[in-house]
C-alpha atoms as a PDB file:
ATOM      1  CA  MET A   1       9.131  -6.587  18.749  1.00  0.00           C
ATOM      2  CA  LEU A   2       5.917  -5.775  16.457  1.00  0.00           C
ATOM      3  CA  LEU A   3       5.252  -8.090  13.382  1.00  0.00           C
ATOM      4  CA  ALA A   4       3.353  -6.429  10.656  1.00  0.00           C
ATOM      5  CA  PHE A   5       1.382  -7.848   7.557  1.00  0.00           C
ATOM      6  CA  ASP A   6       0.655  -5.147   4.702  1.00  0.00           C
ATOM      7  CA  VAL A   7      -1.685  -8.061   2.423  1.00  0.00           C
ATOM      8  CA  GLY A   8      -2.226  -6.837  -1.246  1.00  0.00           C
ATOM      9  CA  ASN A   9      -3.497  -8.591  -4.079  1.00  0.00           C
ATOM     10  CA  THR A  10      -0.141  -9.423  -5.757  1.00  0.00           C
ATOM     11  CA  ASN A  11       2.496  -9.333  -2.635  1.00  0.00           C
ATOM     12  CA  ILE A  12       2.275  -9.532   1.199  1.00  0.00           C
ATOM     13  CA  VAL A  13       4.930  -7.239   2.645  1.00  0.00           C
ATOM     14  CA  LEU A  14       5.941  -8.439   6.304  1.00  0.00           C
ATOM     15  CA  GLY A  15       7.918  -6.085   8.520  1.00  0.00           C
ATOM     16  CA  VAL A  16       9.754  -6.316  11.794  1.00  0.00           C
ATOM     17  CA  PHE A  17       9.602  -3.259  14.390  1.00  0.00           C
ATOM     18  CA  LYS A  18      11.761  -2.921  17.156  1.00  0.00           C
ATOM     19  CA  ASP A  19      11.198   0.083  19.697  1.00  0.00           C
ATOM     20  CA  GLY A  20       9.121   1.922  16.844  1.00  0.00           C
ATOM     21  CA  ASP A  21      12.053   1.302  14.039  1.00  0.00           C
ATOM     22  CA  LEU A  22      11.376  -0.982  11.414  1.00  0.00           C
ATOM     23  CA  ILE A  23      14.525  -3.511  11.598  1.00  0.00           C
ATOM     24  CA  GLN A  24      13.767  -5.964   8.635  1.00  0.00           C
ATOM     25  CA  ASN A  25      11.050  -6.567   5.987  1.00  0.00           C
ATOM     26  CA  TRP A  26      10.413  -9.027   3.493  1.00  0.00           C
ATOM     27  CA  ARG A  27       8.050  -9.281   0.488  1.00  0.00           C
ATOM     28  CA  VAL A  28       6.360 -12.547  -0.729  1.00  0.00           C
ATOM     29  CA  GLU A  29       3.425 -13.523  -3.283  1.00  0.00           C
ATOM     30  CA  THR A  30       0.259 -13.344  -1.897  1.00  0.00           C
ATOM     31  CA  ASP A  31      -1.405 -16.811  -2.138  1.00  0.00           C
ATOM     32  CA  LYS A  32      -4.972 -17.207  -0.849  1.00  0.00           C
ATOM     33  CA  ASN A  33      -4.446 -21.008  -0.927  1.00  0.00           C
ATOM     34  CA  LYS A  34      -1.439 -21.200   1.460  1.00  0.00           C
ATOM     35  CA  SER A  35      -2.430 -22.766   4.791  1.00  0.00           C
ATOM     36  CA  ALA A  36      -1.562 -20.955   8.383  1.00  0.00           C
ATOM     37  CA  ASP A  37       1.221 -23.631   8.532  1.00  0.00           C
ATOM     38  CA  GLU A  38       2.707 -22.489   5.226  1.00  0.00           C
ATOM     39  CA  TYR A  39       2.737 -18.956   6.398  1.00  0.00           C
ATOM     40  CA  GLY A  40       3.941 -19.975   9.935  1.00  0.00           C
ATOM     41  CA  MET A  41       6.857 -21.685   8.589  1.00  0.00           C
ATOM     42  CA  LEU A  42       7.934 -19.076   6.054  1.00  0.00           C
ATOM     43  CA  VAL A  43       8.075 -16.235   8.756  1.00  0.00           C
ATOM     44  CA  ASN A  44       9.911 -18.772  10.961  1.00  0.00           C
ATOM     45  CA  GLN A  45      12.541 -19.306   8.271  1.00  0.00           C
ATOM     46  CA  PHE A  46      12.700 -15.291   7.657  1.00  0.00           C
ATOM     47  CA  PHE A  47      13.170 -15.035  11.290  1.00  0.00           C
ATOM     48  CA  THR A  48      15.918 -17.569  11.406  1.00  0.00           C
ATOM     49  CA  TYR A  49      17.561 -16.339   8.384  1.00  0.00           C
ATOM     50  CA  GLU A  50      18.163 -12.813   9.995  1.00  0.00           C
ATOM     51  CA  GLY A  51      18.959 -14.322  13.591  1.00  0.00           C
ATOM     52  CA  LEU A  52      15.806 -12.843  14.775  1.00  0.00           C
ATOM     53  CA  ASP A  53      13.785 -14.735  17.778  1.00  0.00           C
ATOM     54  CA  THR A  54      10.063 -15.333  16.928  1.00  0.00           C
ATOM     55  CA  ASN A  55       9.625 -15.361  20.672  1.00  0.00           C
ATOM     56  CA  ASP A  56      10.294 -11.523  20.789  1.00  0.00           C
ATOM     57  CA  VAL A  57       7.032 -10.650  19.072  1.00  0.00           C
ATOM     58  CA  LYS A  58       5.022  -9.469  21.447  1.00  0.00           C
ATOM     59  CA  ASP A  59       2.237  -8.275  19.078  1.00  0.00           C
ATOM     60  CA  ILE A  60       0.904  -8.478  15.523  1.00  0.00           C
ATOM     61  CA  ILE A  61      -0.879  -6.315  13.088  1.00  0.00           C
ATOM     62  CA  ILE A  62      -2.532  -6.869   9.839  1.00  0.00           C
ATOM     63  CA  SER A  63      -3.873  -4.470   6.885  1.00  0.00           C
ATOM     64  CA  THR A  64      -5.380  -6.782   3.920  1.00  0.00           C
ATOM     65  CA  VAL A  65      -7.298  -5.993   0.748  1.00  0.00           C
ATOM     66  CA  VAL A  66      -7.636  -9.674   0.322  1.00  0.00           C
ATOM     67  CA  PRO A  67     -10.470 -10.809   2.976  1.00  0.00           C
ATOM     68  CA  PRO A  68      -9.959 -14.733   2.515  1.00  0.00           C
ATOM     69  CA  ILE A  69      -6.283 -14.557   4.026  1.00  0.00           C
ATOM     70  CA  VAL A  70      -7.478 -12.684   7.317  1.00  0.00           C
ATOM     71  CA  TYR A  71      -8.712 -15.986   8.730  1.00  0.00           C
ATOM     72  CA  THR A  72      -5.180 -17.699   7.794  1.00  0.00           C
ATOM     73  CA  LEU A  73      -3.330 -15.110   9.109  1.00  0.00           C
ATOM     74  CA  GLN A  74      -5.078 -14.865  12.423  1.00  0.00           C
ATOM     75  CA  HIS A  75      -4.767 -18.809  12.856  1.00  0.00           C
ATOM     76  CA  MET A  76      -1.157 -18.639  12.057  1.00  0.00           C
ATOM     77  CA  SER A  77      -0.533 -15.673  14.633  1.00  0.00           C
ATOM     78  CA  MET A  78      -2.260 -17.641  17.204  1.00  0.00           C
ATOM     79  CA  LYS A  79      -0.775 -21.041  16.370  1.00  0.00           C
ATOM     80  CA  TYR A  80       2.829 -19.981  15.721  1.00  0.00           C
ATOM     81  CA  PHE A  81       3.085 -16.711  18.159  1.00  0.00           C
ATOM     82  CA  ASN A  82       0.131 -17.356  20.392  1.00  0.00           C
ATOM     83  CA  LYS A  83      -0.744 -13.593  19.690  1.00  0.00           C
ATOM     84  CA  ARG A  84      -4.411 -12.590  18.213  1.00  0.00           C
ATOM     85  CA  ALA A  85      -3.515 -10.033  15.782  1.00  0.00           C
ATOM     86  CA  ILE A  86      -5.040  -6.672  15.418  1.00  0.00           C
ATOM     87  CA  VAL A  87      -6.661  -6.518  11.802  1.00  0.00           C
ATOM     88  CA  VAL A  88      -7.472  -2.842  10.749  1.00  0.00           C
ATOM     89  CA  GLY A  89     -10.947  -2.390  10.500  1.00  0.00           C
ATOM     90  CA  PRO A  90     -14.276  -0.843  12.278  1.00  0.00           C
ATOM     91  CA  GLY A  91     -13.530   0.014  15.550  1.00  0.00           C
ATOM     92  CA  VAL A  92      -9.923   0.186  15.246  1.00  0.00           C
ATOM     93  CA  ARG A  93      -8.405   3.529  16.149  1.00  0.00           C
ATOM     94  CA  THR A  94      -6.299   5.326  13.317  1.00  0.00           C
ATOM     95  CA  GLY A  95      -6.654   9.189  14.102  1.00  0.00           C
ATOM     96  CA  MET A  96      -8.070   9.746  10.529  1.00  0.00           C
ATOM     97  CA  ILE A  97     -11.768  11.089   9.815  1.00  0.00           C
ATOM     98  CA  ILE A  98     -13.021   9.254   6.960  1.00  0.00           C
ATOM     99  CA  LYS A  99     -15.108  11.382   4.909  1.00  0.00           C
ATOM    100  CA  TYR A 100     -16.071   8.453   2.311  1.00  0.00           C
ATOM    101  CA  ASP A 101     -19.931   7.910   1.225  1.00  0.00           C
ATOM    102  CA  ASN A 102     -19.545   4.425   2.840  1.00  0.00           C
ATOM    103  CA  PRO A 103     -16.497   4.420   4.883  1.00  0.00           C
ATOM    104  CA  LYS A 104     -16.433   0.409   4.970  1.00  0.00           C
ATOM    105  CA  GLN A 105     -15.728   0.458   1.261  1.00  0.00           C
ATOM    106  CA  VAL A 106     -11.957   2.158   1.721  1.00  0.00           C
ATOM    107  CA  GLY A 107      -9.453  -0.430   1.234  1.00  0.00           C
ATOM    108  CA  SER A 108      -7.521  -0.533   4.707  1.00  0.00           C
ATOM    109  CA  ASP A 109      -4.136  -0.036   2.808  1.00  0.00           C
ATOM    110  CA  ARG A 110      -5.374   3.495   1.718  1.00  0.00           C
ATOM    111  CA  ILE A 111      -6.060   4.333   5.351  1.00  0.00           C
ATOM    112  CA  VAL A 112      -2.972   2.967   6.633  1.00  0.00           C
ATOM    113  CA  ASN A 113      -1.050   4.913   4.119  1.00  0.00           C
ATOM    114  CA  SER A 114      -2.822   8.074   4.708  1.00  0.00           C
ATOM    115  CA  VAL A 115      -2.154   7.633   8.655  1.00  0.00           C
ATOM    116  CA  ALA A 116       1.765   7.406   8.106  1.00  0.00           C
ATOM    117  CA  ALA A 117       2.054  10.058   5.160  1.00  0.00           C
ATOM    118  CA  PHE A 118       0.118  12.486   7.651  1.00  0.00           C
ATOM    119  CA  ALA A 119       1.957  11.668  10.419  1.00  0.00           C
ATOM    120  CA  LYS A 120       5.312  11.881   8.631  1.00  0.00           C
ATOM    121  CA  TYR A 121       4.502  15.065   6.273  1.00  0.00           C
ATOM    122  CA  GLY A 122       1.316  16.730   7.619  1.00  0.00           C
ATOM    123  CA  GLY A 123      -1.379  18.006   5.112  1.00  0.00           C
ATOM    124  CA  PRO A 124      -2.932  18.882   2.740  1.00  0.00           C
ATOM    125  CA  LEU A 125      -1.166  15.767   0.841  1.00  0.00           C
ATOM    126  CA  ILE A 126      -1.800  13.439  -1.781  1.00  0.00           C
ATOM    127  CA  ILE A 127      -0.827   9.796  -1.571  1.00  0.00           C
ATOM    128  CA  VAL A 128       0.095   7.501  -5.190  1.00  0.00           C
ATOM    129  CA  ASP A 129       0.222   3.999  -4.255  1.00  0.00           C
ATOM    130  CA  PHE A 130       1.598   2.158  -7.179  1.00  0.00           C
ATOM    131  CA  GLY A 131       0.654  -1.516  -6.561  1.00  0.00           C
ATOM    132  CA  THR A 132      -1.784  -3.939  -8.415  1.00  0.00           C
ATOM    133  CA  ALA A 133      -4.332  -0.733  -8.805  1.00  0.00           C
ATOM    134  CA  THR A 134      -2.660   2.867  -8.656  1.00  0.00           C
ATOM    135  CA  THR A 135      -4.644   4.375  -6.031  1.00  0.00           C
ATOM    136  CA  PHE A 136      -4.561   8.460  -5.269  1.00  0.00           C
ATOM    137  CA  CYS A 137      -5.933   9.421  -1.776  1.00  0.00           C
ATOM    138  CA  ALA A 138      -6.305  12.937  -0.542  1.00  0.00           C
ATOM    139  CA  VAL A 139      -5.656  13.831   2.787  1.00  0.00           C
ATOM    140  CA  SER A 140      -6.583  17.397   4.182  1.00  0.00           C
ATOM    141  CA  GLU A 141      -4.441  19.356   6.595  1.00  0.00           C
ATOM    142  CA  LYS A 142      -6.999  18.371   9.393  1.00  0.00           C
ATOM    143  CA  ALA A 143      -6.291  14.676   8.966  1.00  0.00           C
ATOM    144  CA  GLU A 144      -9.320  13.954   7.171  1.00  0.00           C
ATOM    145  CA  TYR A 145      -9.339  11.170   4.645  1.00  0.00           C
ATOM    146  CA  LEU A 146     -11.568  12.790   1.846  1.00  0.00           C
ATOM    147  CA  GLY A 147     -11.410  10.269  -1.065  1.00  0.00           C
ATOM    148  CA  GLY A 148      -9.893   9.510  -4.169  1.00  0.00           C
ATOM    149  CA  THR A 149      -9.041   7.865  -7.483  1.00  0.00           C
ATOM    150  CA  ILE A 150      -8.571   4.248  -8.280  1.00  0.00           C
ATOM    151  CA  ALA A 151      -6.809   3.251 -11.423  1.00  0.00           C
ATOM    152  CA  PRO A 152      -5.534   0.097 -13.495  1.00  0.00           C
ATOM    153  CA  GLY A 153      -2.054  -0.615 -12.029  1.00  0.00           C
ATOM    154  CA  LEU A 154       0.685  -0.946 -14.632  1.00  0.00           C
ATOM    155  CA  LYS A 155       0.907  -4.343 -14.254  1.00  0.00           C
ATOM    156  CA  ILE A 156      -2.804  -5.068 -14.825  1.00  0.00           C
ATOM    157  CA  ALA A 157      -2.523  -3.008 -17.883  1.00  0.00           C
ATOM    158  CA  SER A 158       0.375  -5.022 -19.013  1.00  0.00           C
ATOM    159  CA  GLU A 159      -1.233  -8.210 -18.352  1.00  0.00           C
ATOM    160  CA  ALA A 160      -4.557  -7.005 -20.235  1.00  0.00           C
ATOM    161  CA  LEU A 161      -2.518  -6.156 -23.491  1.00  0.00           C
ATOM    162  CA  PHE A 162      -0.964  -9.567 -23.608  1.00  0.00           C
ATOM    163  CA  GLU A 163      -4.210 -11.830 -22.541  1.00  0.00           C
ATOM    164  CA  LYS A 164      -6.843  -9.471 -24.866  1.00  0.00           C
ATOM    165  CA  THR A 165      -4.886  -9.313 -28.044  1.00  0.00           C
ATOM    166  CA  ALA A 166      -3.640 -12.047 -30.170  1.00  0.00           C
ATOM    167  CA  LYS A 167      -0.051 -10.897 -31.212  1.00  0.00           C
ATOM    168  CA  LEU A 168       1.066  -9.116 -28.594  1.00  0.00           C
ATOM    169  CA  PRO A 169       3.381 -10.557 -26.171  1.00  0.00           C
ATOM    170  CA  ARG A 170       4.410 -10.175 -22.578  1.00  0.00           C
ATOM    171  CA  VAL A 171       6.941  -7.331 -22.288  1.00  0.00           C
ATOM    172  CA  GLU A 172       9.323  -6.138 -19.312  1.00  0.00           C
ATOM    173  CA  LEU A 173       8.137  -2.957 -17.704  1.00  0.00           C
ATOM    174  CA  GLU A 174      10.579  -0.379 -18.240  1.00  0.00           C
ATOM    175  CA  GLU A 175      11.232   2.804 -20.143  1.00  0.00           C
ATOM    176  CA  PRO A 176      12.224   2.303 -23.758  1.00  0.00           C
ATOM    177  CA  GLY A 177      13.573   6.136 -23.972  1.00  0.00           C
ATOM    178  CA  HIS A 178      11.326   7.274 -26.878  1.00  0.00           C
ATOM    179  CA  VAL A 179       7.651   7.439 -27.912  1.00  0.00           C
ATOM    180  CA  ILE A 180       8.150   7.155 -31.622  1.00  0.00           C
ATOM    181  CA  CYS A 181       9.092   3.300 -31.416  1.00  0.00           C
ATOM    182  CA  LYS A 182      10.075   1.170 -34.125  1.00  0.00           C
ATOM    183  CA  ASN A 183       9.096  -2.526 -33.039  1.00  0.00           C
ATOM    184  CA  THR A 184       6.382  -3.996 -30.860  1.00  0.00           C
ATOM    185  CA  ILE A 185       8.079  -4.419 -27.579  1.00  0.00           C
ATOM    186  CA  GLU A 186       9.194  -0.738 -27.083  1.00  0.00           C
ATOM    187  CA  SER A 187       6.033   0.260 -28.647  1.00  0.00           C
ATOM    188  CA  MET A 188       4.202  -1.313 -25.851  1.00  0.00           C
ATOM    189  CA  GLN A 189       6.741  -0.294 -23.255  1.00  0.00           C
ATOM    190  CA  SER A 190       6.177   3.471 -24.392  1.00  0.00           C
ATOM    191  CA  GLY A 191       2.298   2.975 -24.068  1.00  0.00           C
ATOM    192  CA  LEU A 192       2.375   1.280 -20.756  1.00  0.00           C
ATOM    193  CA  VAL A 193       5.162   3.280 -19.067  1.00  0.00           C
ATOM    194  CA  TYR A 194       4.363   6.661 -20.317  1.00  0.00           C
ATOM    195  CA  GLY A 195       1.057   6.400 -20.812  1.00  0.00           C
ATOM    196  CA  HIS A 196       0.673   5.604 -16.908  1.00  0.00           C
ATOM    197  CA  MET A 197       3.042   8.663 -16.199  1.00  0.00           C
ATOM    198  CA  GLY A 198       0.621  10.842 -17.875  1.00  0.00           C
ATOM    199  CA  LEU A 199      -2.159   9.377 -16.061  1.00  0.00           C
ATOM    200  CA  VAL A 200      -0.688  10.042 -12.792  1.00  0.00           C
ATOM    201  CA  GLU A 201       0.655  13.543 -13.584  1.00  0.00           C
ATOM    202  CA  TYR A 202      -2.941  14.479 -14.616  1.00  0.00           C
ATOM    203  CA  ILE A 203      -4.893  13.214 -11.675  1.00  0.00           C
ATOM    204  CA  VAL A 204      -2.353  14.621  -9.435  1.00  0.00           C
ATOM    205  CA  ASN A 205      -2.591  18.040 -10.863  1.00  0.00           C
ATOM    206  CA  ARG A 206      -6.471  17.816 -10.597  1.00  0.00           C
ATOM    207  CA  MET A 207      -6.604  16.558  -7.194  1.00  0.00           C
ATOM    208  CA  LYS A 208      -4.305  19.265  -6.296  1.00  0.00           C
ATOM    209  CA  LYS A 209      -6.622  21.799  -7.597  1.00  0.00           C
ATOM    210  CA  GLU A 210      -9.618  20.314  -5.822  1.00  0.00           C
ATOM    211  CA  LEU A 211      -7.679  20.535  -2.330  1.00  0.00           C
ATOM    212  CA  SER A 212      -6.134  23.908  -2.661  1.00  0.00           C
ATOM    213  CA  PRO A 213      -7.989  25.613  -5.423  1.00  0.00           C
ATOM    214  CA  GLU A 214      -6.986  29.392  -4.417  1.00  0.00           C
ATOM    215  CA  ASP A 215      -3.365  28.607  -5.001  1.00  0.00           C
ATOM    216  CA  GLY A 216      -3.531  25.755  -7.656  1.00  0.00           C
ATOM    217  CA  GLY A 217      -2.460  23.081  -4.951  1.00  0.00           C
ATOM    218  CA  LYS A 218       0.774  24.522  -4.738  1.00  0.00           C
ATOM    219  CA  ARG A 219       0.904  23.505  -1.308  1.00  0.00           C
ATOM    220  CA  VAL A 220      -0.051  20.111  -1.269  1.00  0.00           C
ATOM    221  CA  LYS A 221       2.679  17.448  -1.045  1.00  0.00           C
ATOM    222  CA  VAL A 222       2.597  14.307  -3.066  1.00  0.00           C
ATOM    223  CA  ILE A 223       4.092  11.051  -1.729  1.00  0.00           C
ATOM    224  CA  GLY A 224       4.437   7.972  -3.854  1.00  0.00           C
ATOM    225  CA  THR A 225       4.680   4.508  -2.514  1.00  0.00           C
ATOM    226  CA  GLY A 226       4.318   0.807  -3.734  1.00  0.00           C
ATOM    227  CA  GLY A 227       6.257  -1.432  -6.029  1.00  0.00           C
ATOM    228  CA  MET A 228       6.528   0.435  -9.177  1.00  0.00           C
ATOM    229  CA  ALA A 229       6.679   3.843  -7.518  1.00  0.00           C
ATOM    230  CA  THR A 230      10.312   4.545  -8.595  1.00  0.00           C
ATOM    231  CA  LEU A 231       9.851   3.473 -12.306  1.00  0.00           C
ATOM    232  CA  ILE A 232       6.894   5.837 -12.859  1.00  0.00           C
ATOM    233  CA  ALA A 233       7.986   8.965 -10.648  1.00  0.00           C
ATOM    234  CA  GLY A 234      11.499   9.328 -12.388  1.00  0.00           C
ATOM    235  CA  GLY A 235       9.725  10.292 -15.448  1.00  0.00           C
ATOM    236  CA  ILE A 236       7.303  12.916 -13.832  1.00  0.00           C
ATOM    237  CA  GLY A 237       7.737  15.965 -11.674  1.00  0.00           C
ATOM    238  CA  CYS A 238       4.904  15.688  -9.514  1.00  0.00           C
ATOM    239  CA  ILE A 239       6.030  13.441  -6.891  1.00  0.00           C
ATOM    240  CA  ASP A 240       7.678  15.018  -4.196  1.00  0.00           C
ATOM    241  CA  GLU A 241       8.819  11.806  -2.007  1.00  0.00           C
ATOM    242  CA  ILE A 242       9.182   8.243  -2.671  1.00  0.00           C
ATOM    243  CA  ASP A 243       8.367   6.237   0.554  1.00  0.00           C
ATOM    244  CA  LYS A 244       8.579   2.644  -0.249  1.00  0.00           C
ATOM    245  CA  MET A 245       7.962   1.596   3.598  1.00  0.00           C
ATOM    246  CA  LEU A 246       4.720   4.057   4.122  1.00  0.00           C
ATOM    247  CA  THR A 247       2.315   1.292   4.896  1.00  0.00           C
ATOM    248  CA  LEU A 248       4.267  -0.544   7.216  1.00  0.00           C
ATOM    249  CA  GLU A 249       5.067   2.573   9.150  1.00  0.00           C
ATOM    250  CA  GLY A 250       1.333   3.076   9.240  1.00  0.00           C
ATOM    251  CA  LEU A 251       0.713  -0.174  10.718  1.00  0.00           C
ATOM    252  CA  GLN A 252       3.111   0.666  13.445  1.00  0.00           C
ATOM    253  CA  ILE A 253       1.424   4.156  14.106  1.00  0.00           C
ATOM    254  CA  ILE A 254      -1.975   2.497  14.434  1.00  0.00           C
ATOM    255  CA  TYR A 255      -0.862  -0.219  16.597  1.00  0.00           C
ATOM    256  CA  GLU A 256       0.546   2.424  18.745  1.00  0.00           C
ATOM    257  CA  LYS A 257      -3.199   3.778  18.879  1.00  0.00           C
ATOM    258  CA  ASN A 258      -4.373   0.515  20.000  1.00  0.00           C
ATOM    259  CA  ARG A 259      -1.957  -1.711  21.601  1.00  0.00           C
ATOM    260  CA  HIS A 260      -4.105  -1.601  24.946  1.00  0.00           C
ATOM    261  CA  GLU A 261      -7.478  -2.039  23.309  1.00  0.00           C
ATOM    262  CA  PRO A 262      -9.378  -5.239  22.757  1.00  0.00           C
ATOM    263  CA  LYS A 263      -8.327  -6.854  19.532  1.00  0.00           C
ATOM    264  CA  LYS A 264     -10.760  -6.457  16.770  1.00  0.00           C
ATOM    265  CA  SER A 265     -11.082  -7.032  12.880  1.00  0.00           C
ATOM    266  CA  ALA A 266     -12.653  -6.062   9.538  1.00  0.00           C
ATOM    267  CA  SER A 267     -12.578  -3.075   6.843  1.00  0.00           C
ATOM    268  CA  CYS A 268     -12.124   0.717   8.123  1.00  0.00           C
ATOM    269  CA  ASP A 269     -14.895   2.856   9.595  1.00  0.00           C
ATOM    270  CA  PRO A 270     -14.955   6.689  10.070  1.00  0.00           C
ATOM    271  CA  GLY A 271     -14.042   6.648  13.708  1.00  0.00           C
ATOM    272  CA  LEU A 272     -11.133   7.932  15.671  1.00  0.00           C
END
């Protein structure tokens, strides 16, 4: 079995693959202060609850946008699984040509998503990841990572309204059903949710035109992923597919390309 870690700023998503198929996954809060032992015991509890045997884990792969956690998870991998994890970074084969000014600045999650989306849907395509930040990534039909856009995520925007204003409260992130709202809660929900829908629709449509200007981007497929994908995609028409497990599946694909290579770590480079 393969144990995969997708470490985001807010959550860590863990997945277990058997013979290439995702058989179980869990989501936990990202905590930079947790020790290797705490993460190790947490994983052991998950496996025990689902009737899985940690001895069946043959390899581990990690993608992270939180550098301090790399050492912790690598230490956990060695202590509890006796495995040195593959960490997505320079020297790790992805099959994706990265055409960024400085490839080391690209978050590994964006590359992993692009690898999975291209393998499943082909190109050209746009991947929208609704996480702590909402990221937009463009991939050509030649498996080239072309770049993209980064915007504040829905939860960041909500917290900013609460923290930076004297009277506005925290609100549940849900559609109020209208934009002419008669109370503060619904007014905030409307601005946050519908405002984010508008942001996504505008950026996606503009990226489509840049990818395929001759036909207005009609051939470009748009994939949504991340925790808030269902909420936002339900109110707009530019998302073709919702694929919540995209990052984990990308990790499995990258693992297959690197399983016989020496274990390496850091952030992504332009190599194949």
